[in-house]
Amino acid sequence: MALLLAVGLTGAGGTTARADGTTAAEDIAAELKAIPGMKVEEKTSTLPGHRWFWLTYRQPVDHRRPGGQWFEQRVMLQHKSEDRPMVLYTSGYNTPEVMFRSEPTALVDGNQISLEYRYFTPSRPEPADWTKDTIWQAATDEHRLIGALKKIYKGRWISTGGSKGGMTAVYHKRFYPGDVDGSVVYVAPNDVDNDEDSRYDEFFATVGTDDTCRAHIKDLAREFLKRRPEMLKRFTAAAAENGWTFSILRTPDRAFENTVMDYEWAFWQYSLQSDCGSLPALDASDDDLYASLDAIAGLSFYTDQGLAPYVPYYYQAGTQLGWGTPQFTHLRPLLRHESSYQPRTYVPREIAMRFDGGRAMRDIDRWVRNHGSRLMFLYGENDPWGSERFRLGRGSKDSAVYEAPGMNHSGRLIDKLPAEQRAKAIADLLRWAGADAARARTLTTTPSDATDPLRLQRPPL
């Protein structure tokens, strides 16, 4: 009830009456089809009061040369009403193929488009010119799509995303600050200095409040390596059964070791400290230890089949975004392939890569601190990706950074904030979206829409 008071009432079907007697819900498909370069397919909706469309939008591979090669970019649209706010959800990866409402979408009771990031299949040009997999080209994809859809959705726009999707939302706003009226950015790292990663080591040395839990996770990772022959026996058998191959990592042993190096990070990224009690003991059976390594870090990830969907991410990490490099002192001297823990390892060798030296990320960081406005950053206290995070500066306006106590790498953190911060965050979001600010202050809890978009897929970031 409080949400309806805060953001206004709409009809149960999300329709808007028109002078000619039709409704937006009746003709939205026709309006979408009228956009040049747009293909429209309607699916059966699983959200009451919404219609669900799968769109493909024709985009230039190089926005600086629109007369050249083009590709089709996939977009999921959840239409409620043309007069509701629109939320642009940027995944940074493939777009989820299910209906879900991001936390900001649920709060503003709005429409939502979920945009697939360029070069993630099927939104990949063929042949693929990998030099165009850049943050500016992707931001311009979003800018061009927004320009087309604003002819229909003329109200306020909010951008959001988690992890790499949150980074994507920031980059878009840096290059096109007038496209959206506010941005809610979840668990987005900000690697300004790629050569300085000591904050990750500090994080793993202090994360949580239970020293025993922290130490046990490290000890388990060592135990996997001590039992390398037994773990590899099970891993190679699983690879044979599932048809997994290792041309990118070259050997199952390198893939296994990269998974072990992920174990501690993956636990804190996806689990809570309270989950420590479910971890096996150090003297557990080989089967139990293998099962824990697979459940927490995912042994199939570093196979060719596991890496293939994420090559566009690792390409960007190794050329512009940067990457985290913790010091695995607790695993030495048991490691054999520590130097392989970097993006170049995970991208097929025929794709050329060169890191830009951090220029792109320094530019983004300066813009946030000197010119950023209407930016809301949310981090989980126990999320390793928050070790290097966005920070505001003297030039940042109408912006805030929040940390949810004890939380991990989640895309639904507003509801996990302390009450006063939660109320402030919700009020700011609704104000940006055009809600009545006085009434917005009465809304202190989020709607019961608990789907975490970061759980719909399990990307590396």
Protein backbone atom coordinates (compact mmCIF):
# COMPACT_ATOMS: atom_id res chain seq x y z
CA MET A 1 0.00 0.00 0.00
CA ALA A 2 2.81 2.40 0.85
CA LEU A 3 4.39 1.81 -2.56
CA LEU A 4 1.17 2.73 -4.35
CA LEU A 5 0.92 5.91 -2.32
CA ALA A 6 4.52 6.76 -3.08
CA VAL A 7 4.58 6.26 -6.83
CA GLY A 8 0.94 6.60 -7.86
CA LEU A 9 -1.77 4.21 -8.98
CA THR A 10 -2.06 2.41 -12.30
CA GLY A 11 -4.64 0.08 -13.67
CA ALA A 12 -4.32 -3.58 -12.84
CA GLY A 13 -3.33 -4.39 -16.41
CA GLY A 14 -0.84 -1.54 -16.66
CA THR A 15 -2.82 0.24 -19.38
CA THR A 16 -3.24 3.91 -20.18
CA ALA A 17 -6.51 5.11 -21.74
CA ARG A 18 -6.19 7.17 -24.95
CA ALA A 19 -8.46 9.66 -26.70
CA ASP A 20 -9.29 7.18 -29.47
CA GLY A 21 -10.45 4.58 -26.96
CA THR A 22 -7.42 2.28 -27.36
CA THR A 23 -4.87 1.58 -24.67
CA ALA A 24 -1.08 1.52 -24.61
CA ALA A 25 -1.19 -2.19 -23.80
CA GLU A 26 -3.21 -2.84 -26.95
CA ASP A 27 -0.89 -1.09 -29.37
CA ILE A 28 2.55 -1.24 -27.74
CA ALA A 29 3.58 -4.11 -30.02
CA ALA A 30 2.75 -2.02 -33.07
CA GLU A 31 4.71 0.94 -31.70
CA LEU A 32 7.73 -1.25 -31.10
CA LYS A 33 7.55 -2.75 -34.58
CA ALA A 34 7.49 0.76 -36.03
CA ILE A 35 11.01 1.47 -34.72
CA PRO A 36 13.49 1.13 -37.60
CA GLY A 37 15.76 -1.88 -37.12
CA MET A 38 13.59 -3.43 -34.38
CA LYS A 39 12.23 -6.98 -34.48
CA VAL A 40 9.51 -7.87 -31.99
CA GLU A 41 8.37 -11.21 -30.60
CA GLU A 42 5.83 -11.42 -27.78
CA LYS A 43 6.14 -14.20 -25.20
CA THR A 44 3.76 -15.44 -22.53
CA SER A 45 4.10 -13.18 -19.52
CA THR A 46 4.75 -14.63 -16.07
CA LEU A 47 4.33 -11.30 -14.26
CA PRO A 48 0.76 -10.12 -13.68
CA GLY A 49 0.05 -6.74 -15.26
CA HIS A 50 3.02 -6.97 -17.66
CA ARG A 51 3.55 -7.96 -21.26
CA TRP A 52 6.81 -9.66 -22.24
CA PHE A 53 8.64 -8.97 -25.48
CA TRP A 54 11.87 -10.32 -26.90
CA LEU A 55 13.35 -7.64 -29.09
CA THR A 56 16.33 -7.57 -31.40
CA TYR A 57 17.70 -4.18 -32.35
CA ARG A 58 20.05 -3.57 -35.26
CA GLN A 59 23.26 -1.88 -34.08
CA PRO A 60 26.43 -0.82 -35.87
CA VAL A 61 29.52 -2.76 -34.84
CA ASP A 62 31.45 0.52 -34.86
CA HIS A 63 29.31 3.51 -33.90
CA ARG A 64 31.97 5.81 -35.35
CA ARG A 65 31.40 4.18 -38.74
CA PRO A 66 27.68 3.34 -38.91
CA GLY A 67 27.94 2.64 -42.61
CA GLY A 68 29.90 -0.53 -41.94
CA GLN A 69 29.06 -3.90 -40.38
CA TRP A 70 25.92 -4.28 -38.23
CA PHE A 71 24.71 -6.88 -35.73
CA GLU A 72 21.46 -7.64 -33.91
CA GLN A 73 21.39 -6.96 -30.17
CA ARG A 74 18.94 -8.82 -27.96
CA VAL A 75 16.69 -6.94 -25.51
CA MET A 76 14.06 -8.22 -23.08
CA LEU A 77 11.18 -5.81 -22.45
CA GLN A 78 8.73 -6.11 -19.59
CA HIS A 79 5.99 -3.62 -20.45
CA LYS A 80 3.65 -2.35 -17.75
CA SER A 81 2.49 1.02 -19.00
CA GLU A 82 3.89 3.79 -21.17
CA ASP A 83 3.32 6.30 -18.39
CA ARG A 84 5.38 4.36 -15.82
CA PRO A 85 9.14 4.93 -15.35
CA MET A 86 11.48 2.78 -17.43
CA VAL A 87 14.33 0.88 -15.80
CA LEU A 88 17.27 -0.05 -17.99
CA TYR A 89 18.85 -3.20 -16.53
CA THR A 90 22.33 -3.82 -17.89
CA SER A 91 23.58 -7.33 -17.16
CA GLY A 92 27.04 -6.80 -18.63
CA TYR A 93 26.69 -10.34 -20.00
CA ASN A 94 23.87 -12.29 -21.66
CA THR A 95 20.42 -11.05 -20.82
CA PRO A 96 18.43 -13.45 -18.59
CA GLU A 97 15.75 -15.29 -20.57
CA VAL A 98 13.21 -15.15 -17.76
CA MET A 99 10.97 -12.41 -16.45
CA PHE A 100 12.25 -10.76 -13.29
CA ARG A 101 12.05 -7.36 -11.68
CA SER A 102 15.26 -5.77 -10.51
CA GLU A 103 15.02 -4.09 -7.11
CA PRO A 104 14.66 -0.57 -8.61
CA THR A 105 12.00 -1.81 -11.05
CA ALA A 106 9.95 -3.25 -8.19
CA LEU A 107 10.32 -0.08 -6.14
CA VAL A 108 9.22 2.31 -8.89
CA ASP A 109 6.60 -0.15 -10.20
CA GLY A 110 7.95 0.42 -13.68
CA ASN A 111 8.74 -1.08 -17.03
CA GLN A 112 12.07 -2.82 -17.55
CA ILE A 113 14.35 -3.48 -20.47
CA SER A 114 17.21 -5.95 -20.01
CA LEU A 115 19.96 -5.36 -22.54
CA GLU A 116 22.40 -8.03 -23.67
CA TYR A 117 25.98 -6.79 -23.80
CA ARG A 118 27.58 -6.72 -27.23
CA TYR A 119 29.68 -9.75 -28.25
CA PHE A 120 27.81 -12.09 -25.91
CA THR A 121 26.04 -14.61 -28.10
CA PRO A 122 23.72 -14.27 -29.87
CA SER A 123 24.41 -10.49 -29.80
CA ARG A 124 27.74 -10.93 -31.57
CA PRO A 125 28.71 -9.77 -35.04
CA GLU A 126 30.07 -12.38 -37.43
CA PRO A 127 32.90 -12.13 -38.15
CA ALA A 128 33.76 -10.54 -34.80
CA ASP A 129 36.12 -7.58 -34.75
CA TRP A 130 37.17 -7.82 -31.12
CA THR A 131 38.67 -4.33 -31.06
CA LYS A 132 35.08 -3.04 -30.98
CA ASP A 133 34.31 -4.82 -27.70
CA THR A 134 34.91 -1.60 -25.72
CA ILE A 135 33.09 0.26 -22.98
CA TRP A 136 32.40 3.26 -25.25
CA GLN A 137 30.91 1.13 -28.04
CA ALA A 138 28.69 -0.67 -25.51
CA ALA A 139 27.59 2.61 -23.92
CA THR A 140 26.67 3.88 -27.36
CA ASP A 141 24.58 0.74 -27.96
CA GLU A 142 22.58 1.72 -24.88
CA HIS A 143 22.39 5.37 -25.92
CA ARG A 144 21.06 4.49 -29.36
CA LEU A 145 18.47 2.04 -27.98
CA ILE A 146 17.29 4.55 -25.38
CA GLY A 147 16.88 7.19 -28.07
CA ALA A 148 14.63 4.83 -30.03
CA LEU A 149 12.53 3.73 -27.04
CA LYS A 150 12.09 7.21 -25.58
CA LYS A 151 9.71 7.93 -28.45
CA ILE A 152 7.37 5.49 -26.65
CA TYR A 153 8.48 5.67 -23.01
CA LYS A 154 8.67 9.42 -22.40
CA GLY A 155 8.75 9.38 -18.61
CA ARG A 156 11.71 9.12 -16.25
CA TRP A 157 14.47 6.58 -16.88
CA ILE A 158 16.56 4.78 -14.26
CA SER A 159 19.56 2.59 -15.08
CA THR A 160 20.66 -0.29 -12.90
CA GLY A 161 22.82 -3.37 -12.94
CA GLY A 162 24.94 -5.55 -10.70
CA SER A 163 28.61 -6.45 -10.86
CA LYS A 164 29.79 -6.01 -14.46
CA GLY A 165 26.27 -4.81 -15.21
CA GLY A 166 26.71 -2.13 -12.57
CA MET A 167 30.00 -1.11 -14.14
CA THR A 168 28.20 -0.95 -17.47
CA ALA A 169 25.59 1.42 -16.01
CA VAL A 170 28.33 3.75 -14.74
CA TYR A 171 30.21 3.75 -18.04
CA HIS A 172 27.03 4.53 -19.96
CA LYS A 173 26.27 7.44 -17.69
CA ARG A 174 29.81 8.77 -17.99
CA PHE A 175 29.54 8.96 -21.79
CA TYR A 176 25.83 9.87 -22.01
CA PRO A 177 24.88 11.52 -18.68
CA GLY A 178 21.60 12.89 -20.04
CA ASP A 179 20.13 9.52 -21.04
CA VAL A 180 18.83 8.53 -17.60
CA ASP A 181 17.56 10.38 -14.53
CA GLY A 182 19.41 8.26 -11.98
CA SER A 183 21.52 5.11 -11.65
CA VAL A 184 21.37 2.40 -8.98
CA VAL A 185 24.64 0.48 -9.17
CA TYR A 186 25.14 -2.81 -7.32
CA VAL A 187 28.46 -4.40 -6.28
CA ALA A 188 30.49 -2.76 -9.06
CA PRO A 189 34.29 -2.90 -8.75
CA ASN A 190 36.41 0.05 -9.86
CA ASP A 191 39.94 -1.06 -10.72
CA VAL A 192 41.67 2.30 -11.13
CA ASP A 193 45.20 0.94 -10.62
CA ASN A 194 45.45 -2.56 -12.05
CA ASP A 195 48.92 -3.09 -10.58
CA GLU A 196 47.85 -2.33 -6.99
CA ASP A 197 45.65 -5.13 -5.65
CA SER A 198 46.62 -5.21 -1.97
CA ARG A 199 43.05 -4.35 -0.96
CA TYR A 200 42.00 -7.88 -1.93
CA ASP A 201 44.60 -9.38 0.38
CA GLU A 202 43.48 -7.06 3.18
CA PHE A 203 39.88 -8.13 2.54
CA PHE A 204 40.59 -11.86 2.77
CA ALA A 205 42.63 -11.33 5.93
CA THR A 206 39.79 -9.56 7.72
CA VAL A 207 36.46 -10.52 6.08
CA GLY A 208 33.64 -11.43 8.42
CA THR A 209 33.64 -11.70 12.18
CA ASP A 210 34.60 -15.36 12.59
CA ASP A 211 38.34 -16.03 12.51
CA THR A 212 37.73 -19.79 12.54
CA CYS A 213 35.51 -19.62 9.45
CA ARG A 214 38.02 -17.47 7.58
CA ALA A 215 40.90 -19.83 8.41
CA HIS A 216 38.92 -22.97 7.56
CA ILE A 217 38.17 -21.76 4.03
CA LYS A 218 41.88 -21.13 3.44
CA ASP A 219 42.77 -24.53 4.90
CA LEU A 220 40.25 -26.28 2.66
CA ALA A 221 41.83 -24.72 -0.43
CA ARG A 222 45.21 -26.07 0.70
CA GLU A 223 43.69 -29.48 1.30
CA PHE A 224 42.37 -29.63 -2.29
CA LEU A 225 45.91 -29.10 -3.54
CA LYS A 226 47.37 -31.65 -1.11
CA ARG A 227 44.93 -34.19 -2.53
CA ARG A 228 45.57 -33.15 -6.13
CA PRO A 229 45.76 -36.72 -7.53
CA GLU A 230 42.44 -37.70 -5.96
CA MET A 231 40.74 -34.46 -7.06
CA LEU A 232 42.11 -34.75 -10.62
CA LYS A 233 40.95 -38.36 -10.86
CA ARG A 234 37.38 -37.24 -10.19
CA PHE A 235 37.69 -34.15 -12.38
CA THR A 236 38.99 -36.02 -15.44
CA ALA A 237 36.25 -38.61 -15.04
CA ALA A 238 33.63 -35.86 -14.94
CA ALA A 239 35.22 -34.26 -18.02
CA ALA A 240 35.05 -37.53 -19.95
CA GLU A 241 31.44 -38.07 -18.91
CA ASN A 242 30.35 -34.53 -19.89
CA GLY A 243 32.54 -34.02 -22.96
CA TRP A 244 34.56 -31.18 -21.43
CA THR A 245 37.77 -30.16 -23.18
CA PHE A 246 40.75 -28.01 -22.21
CA SER A 247 42.23 -26.38 -25.29
CA ILE A 248 42.14 -22.90 -23.67
CA LEU A 249 43.63 -23.88 -20.28
CA ARG A 250 45.62 -26.66 -22.02
CA THR A 251 45.40 -29.24 -19.22
CA PRO A 252 42.89 -30.42 -16.61
CA ASP A 253 45.53 -29.72 -13.96
CA ARG A 254 45.65 -26.00 -14.84
CA ALA A 255 41.84 -25.86 -14.88
CA PHE A 256 41.68 -27.61 -11.50
CA GLU A 257 44.23 -25.26 -9.95
CA ASN A 258 42.47 -22.14 -11.25
CA THR A 259 39.29 -23.46 -9.63
CA VAL A 260 41.10 -23.92 -6.32
CA MET A 261 42.41 -20.35 -6.52
CA ASP A 262 38.78 -19.28 -6.97
CA TYR A 263 37.47 -21.20 -3.95
CA GLU A 264 37.94 -18.61 -1.19
CA TRP A 265 36.79 -15.75 -3.44
CA ALA A 266 33.75 -17.71 -4.67
CA PHE A 267 32.66 -18.60 -1.14
CA TRP A 268 32.53 -14.99 0.03
CA GLN A 269 31.07 -13.80 -3.28
CA TYR A 270 28.08 -16.14 -3.25
CA SER A 271 27.72 -17.36 0.35
CA LEU A 272 27.22 -15.83 3.78
CA GLN A 273 29.40 -16.34 6.83
CA SER A 274 26.58 -18.43 8.29
CA ASP A 275 27.21 -20.97 5.50
CA CYS A 276 30.60 -21.85 6.98
CA GLY A 277 28.96 -24.54 9.08
CA SER A 278 28.01 -26.48 5.95
CA LEU A 279 31.62 -26.77 4.71
CA PRO A 280 33.35 -30.16 5.08
CA ALA A 281 36.00 -30.85 7.69
CA LEU A 282 39.63 -31.03 6.63
CA ASP A 283 39.63 -34.80 7.22
CA ALA A 284 36.48 -35.34 5.16
CA SER A 285 36.46 -37.94 2.40
CA ASP A 286 37.84 -37.20 -1.06
CA ASP A 287 34.30 -37.30 -2.41
CA ASP A 288 33.07 -34.73 0.09
CA LEU A 289 35.99 -32.39 -0.56
CA TYR A 290 35.55 -32.67 -4.32
CA ALA A 291 31.84 -31.96 -3.96
CA SER A 292 32.57 -28.79 -1.96
CA LEU A 293 35.11 -27.51 -4.47
CA ASP A 294 32.64 -28.13 -7.29
CA ALA A 295 29.66 -26.61 -5.45
CA ILE A 296 31.47 -23.45 -4.35
CA ALA A 297 33.82 -22.73 -7.28
CA GLY A 298 32.40 -24.81 -10.14
CA LEU A 299 34.94 -27.18 -11.68
CA SER A 300 33.34 -26.99 -15.13
CA PHE A 301 33.97 -23.25 -15.38
CA TYR A 302 37.57 -23.47 -16.63
CA THR A 303 36.76 -26.01 -19.33
CA ASP A 304 36.44 -24.78 -22.91
CA GLN A 305 32.69 -25.12 -22.61
CA GLY A 306 32.57 -23.13 -19.37
CA LEU A 307 34.80 -20.31 -20.58
CA ALA A 308 33.27 -19.89 -24.05
CA PRO A 309 30.28 -17.74 -22.94
CA TYR A 310 32.57 -15.36 -21.01
CA VAL A 311 35.31 -14.68 -23.55
CA PRO A 312 33.88 -11.16 -24.20
CA TYR A 313 34.20 -10.36 -20.49
CA TYR A 314 37.76 -11.63 -20.18
CA TYR A 315 38.68 -9.76 -23.36
CA GLN A 316 37.47 -6.51 -21.80
CA ALA A 317 39.11 -7.29 -18.45
CA GLY A 318 42.41 -7.78 -20.22
CA THR A 319 42.13 -4.68 -22.39
CA GLN A 320 40.27 -2.02 -20.35
CA LEU A 321 38.61 -3.12 -17.10
CA GLY A 322 41.59 -4.61 -15.28
CA TRP A 323 41.49 -7.65 -13.02
CA GLY A 324 42.07 -8.64 -9.43
CA THR A 325 45.22 -10.52 -8.48
CA PRO A 326 45.27 -11.65 -4.86
CA GLN A 327 48.46 -13.07 -3.40
CA PHE A 328 47.90 -16.77 -2.78
CA THR A 329 50.49 -17.03 -0.03
CA HIS A 330 48.43 -19.60 1.85
CA LEU A 331 48.54 -21.93 -1.16
CA ARG A 332 52.27 -21.78 -1.82
CA PRO A 333 54.33 -23.86 -2.53
CA LEU A 334 51.50 -26.18 -3.58
CA LEU A 335 50.61 -24.09 -6.65
CA ARG A 336 52.06 -24.95 -10.05
CA HIS A 337 50.22 -22.49 -12.30
CA GLU A 338 49.70 -19.34 -10.23
CA SER A 339 50.76 -17.05 -13.10
CA SER A 340 47.89 -18.38 -15.23
CA TYR A 341 45.34 -16.59 -13.02
CA GLN A 342 44.72 -13.68 -15.44
CA PRO A 343 42.37 -12.80 -18.35
CA ARG A 344 44.90 -13.55 -21.11
CA THR A 345 44.82 -17.21 -20.07
CA TYR A 346 41.05 -17.46 -20.59
CA VAL A 347 40.81 -15.95 -24.08
CA PRO A 348 41.68 -18.07 -27.14
CA ARG A 349 45.16 -17.19 -28.41
CA GLU A 350 43.92 -16.22 -31.87
CA ILE A 351 42.19 -13.19 -30.30
CA ALA A 352 44.80 -10.45 -29.84
CA MET A 353 44.73 -8.48 -26.57
CA ARG A 354 46.61 -5.50 -25.19
CA PHE A 355 45.85 -3.77 -21.89
CA ASP A 356 45.40 0.00 -22.19
CA GLY A 357 47.44 0.68 -19.07
CA GLY A 358 44.39 1.71 -17.05
CA ARG A 359 43.50 4.82 -19.08
CA ALA A 360 39.82 3.92 -19.47
CA MET A 361 39.27 3.19 -15.78
CA ARG A 362 41.10 6.32 -14.62
CA ASP A 363 38.85 8.38 -16.87
CA ILE A 364 35.73 6.76 -15.41
CA ASP A 365 36.95 7.26 -11.85
CA ARG A 366 37.74 10.96 -12.42
CA TRP A 367 34.31 11.52 -13.93
CA VAL A 368 32.50 9.90 -10.98
CA ARG A 369 34.47 11.95 -8.46
CA ASN A 370 34.37 15.25 -10.36
CA HIS A 371 31.12 15.21 -12.33
CA GLY A 372 28.98 12.22 -11.38
CA SER A 373 25.41 12.91 -10.30
CA ARG A 374 22.40 10.86 -9.21
CA LEU A 375 24.56 7.79 -8.66
CA MET A 376 23.71 5.28 -5.94
CA PHE A 377 26.38 2.66 -5.25
CA LEU A 378 25.53 -0.39 -3.13
CA TYR A 379 28.04 -2.94 -1.83
CA GLY A 380 27.91 -6.02 0.35
CA GLU A 381 30.22 -5.81 3.34
CA ASN A 382 31.57 -9.34 2.78
CA ASP A 383 31.83 -9.23 -1.02
CA PRO A 384 35.42 -9.45 -2.32
CA TRP A 385 34.51 -7.40 -5.41
CA GLY A 386 33.84 -4.44 -3.13
CA SER A 387 37.51 -4.30 -2.14
CA GLU A 388 38.13 -1.88 -5.00
CA ARG A 389 34.98 0.19 -5.26
CA PHE A 390 33.66 3.46 -6.59
CA ARG A 391 34.11 6.45 -4.32
CA LEU A 392 32.57 9.89 -4.55
CA GLY A 393 34.49 13.17 -4.72
CA ARG A 394 33.91 16.87 -4.25
CA GLY A 395 32.28 17.13 -7.65
CA SER A 396 29.84 14.25 -7.10
CA LYS A 397 26.27 15.53 -6.72
CA ASP A 398 23.12 13.93 -5.33
CA SER A 399 24.94 10.62 -4.96
CA ALA A 400 25.69 8.10 -2.23
CA VAL A 401 27.64 4.93 -1.43
CA TYR A 402 26.01 2.32 0.83
CA GLU A 403 27.29 -0.92 2.37
CA ALA A 404 24.92 -3.69 3.45
CA PRO A 405 26.21 -5.33 6.66
CA GLY A 406 27.27 -8.96 6.30
CA MET A 407 26.02 -9.22 2.71
CA ASN A 408 27.68 -10.73 -0.33
CA HIS A 409 27.64 -10.11 -4.11
CA SER A 410 23.90 -9.50 -4.35
CA GLY A 411 21.77 -7.49 -6.74
CA ARG A 412 19.15 -6.76 -4.07
CA LEU A 413 20.86 -4.74 -1.34
CA ILE A 414 18.57 -1.76 -0.69
CA ASP A 415 16.36 -3.97 1.42
CA LYS A 416 19.41 -5.13 3.42
CA LEU A 417 20.50 -1.64 4.49
CA PRO A 418 19.93 -0.31 8.01
CA ALA A 419 16.47 1.26 8.29
CA GLU A 420 17.51 4.90 8.04
CA GLN A 421 19.80 4.31 5.07
CA ARG A 422 17.17 2.14 3.38
CA ALA A 423 14.55 4.88 3.69
CA LYS A 424 16.99 7.47 2.29
CA ALA A 425 17.99 5.24 -0.64
CA ILE A 426 14.38 4.48 -1.55
CA ALA A 427 13.39 8.14 -1.27
CA ASP A 428 16.23 9.19 -3.58
CA LEU A 429 15.35 6.53 -6.15
CA LEU A 430 11.67 7.46 -6.18
CA ARG A 431 12.54 11.14 -6.44
CA TRP A 432 14.78 10.46 -9.43
CA ALA A 433 11.98 8.41 -10.96
CA GLY A 434 9.49 11.25 -10.51
CA ALA A 435 7.63 10.11 -7.40
CA ASP A 436 6.35 12.48 -4.74
CA ALA A 437 9.30 12.96 -2.37
CA ALA A 438 7.17 13.50 0.76
CA ARG A 439 5.24 10.31 0.19
CA ALA A 440 8.39 8.45 -0.82
CA ARG A 441 9.77 8.94 2.66
CA THR A 442 6.98 6.76 4.06
CA LEU A 443 8.21 3.76 2.07
CA THR A 444 10.76 1.88 4.17
CA THR A 445 10.66 -1.67 2.79
CA THR A 446 10.91 -3.09 -0.68
CA PRO A 447 8.10 -5.06 -2.37
CA SER A 448 8.08 -8.84 -1.99
CA ASP A 449 9.82 -9.46 -5.32
CA ALA A 450 12.86 -11.40 -4.16
CA THR A 451 14.43 -12.47 -7.47
CA ASP A 452 18.12 -11.56 -7.43
CA PRO A 453 19.18 -11.04 -11.06
CA LEU A 454 22.78 -11.94 -10.21
CA ARG A 455 21.51 -15.40 -9.25
CA LEU A 456 19.90 -15.97 -12.65
CA GLN A 457 23.34 -16.70 -14.03
CA ARG A 458 26.70 -17.20 -12.38
CA PRO A 459 29.26 -15.09 -14.19
CA PRO A 460 32.83 -14.61 -12.92
CA LEU A 461 31.98 -11.05 -11.86
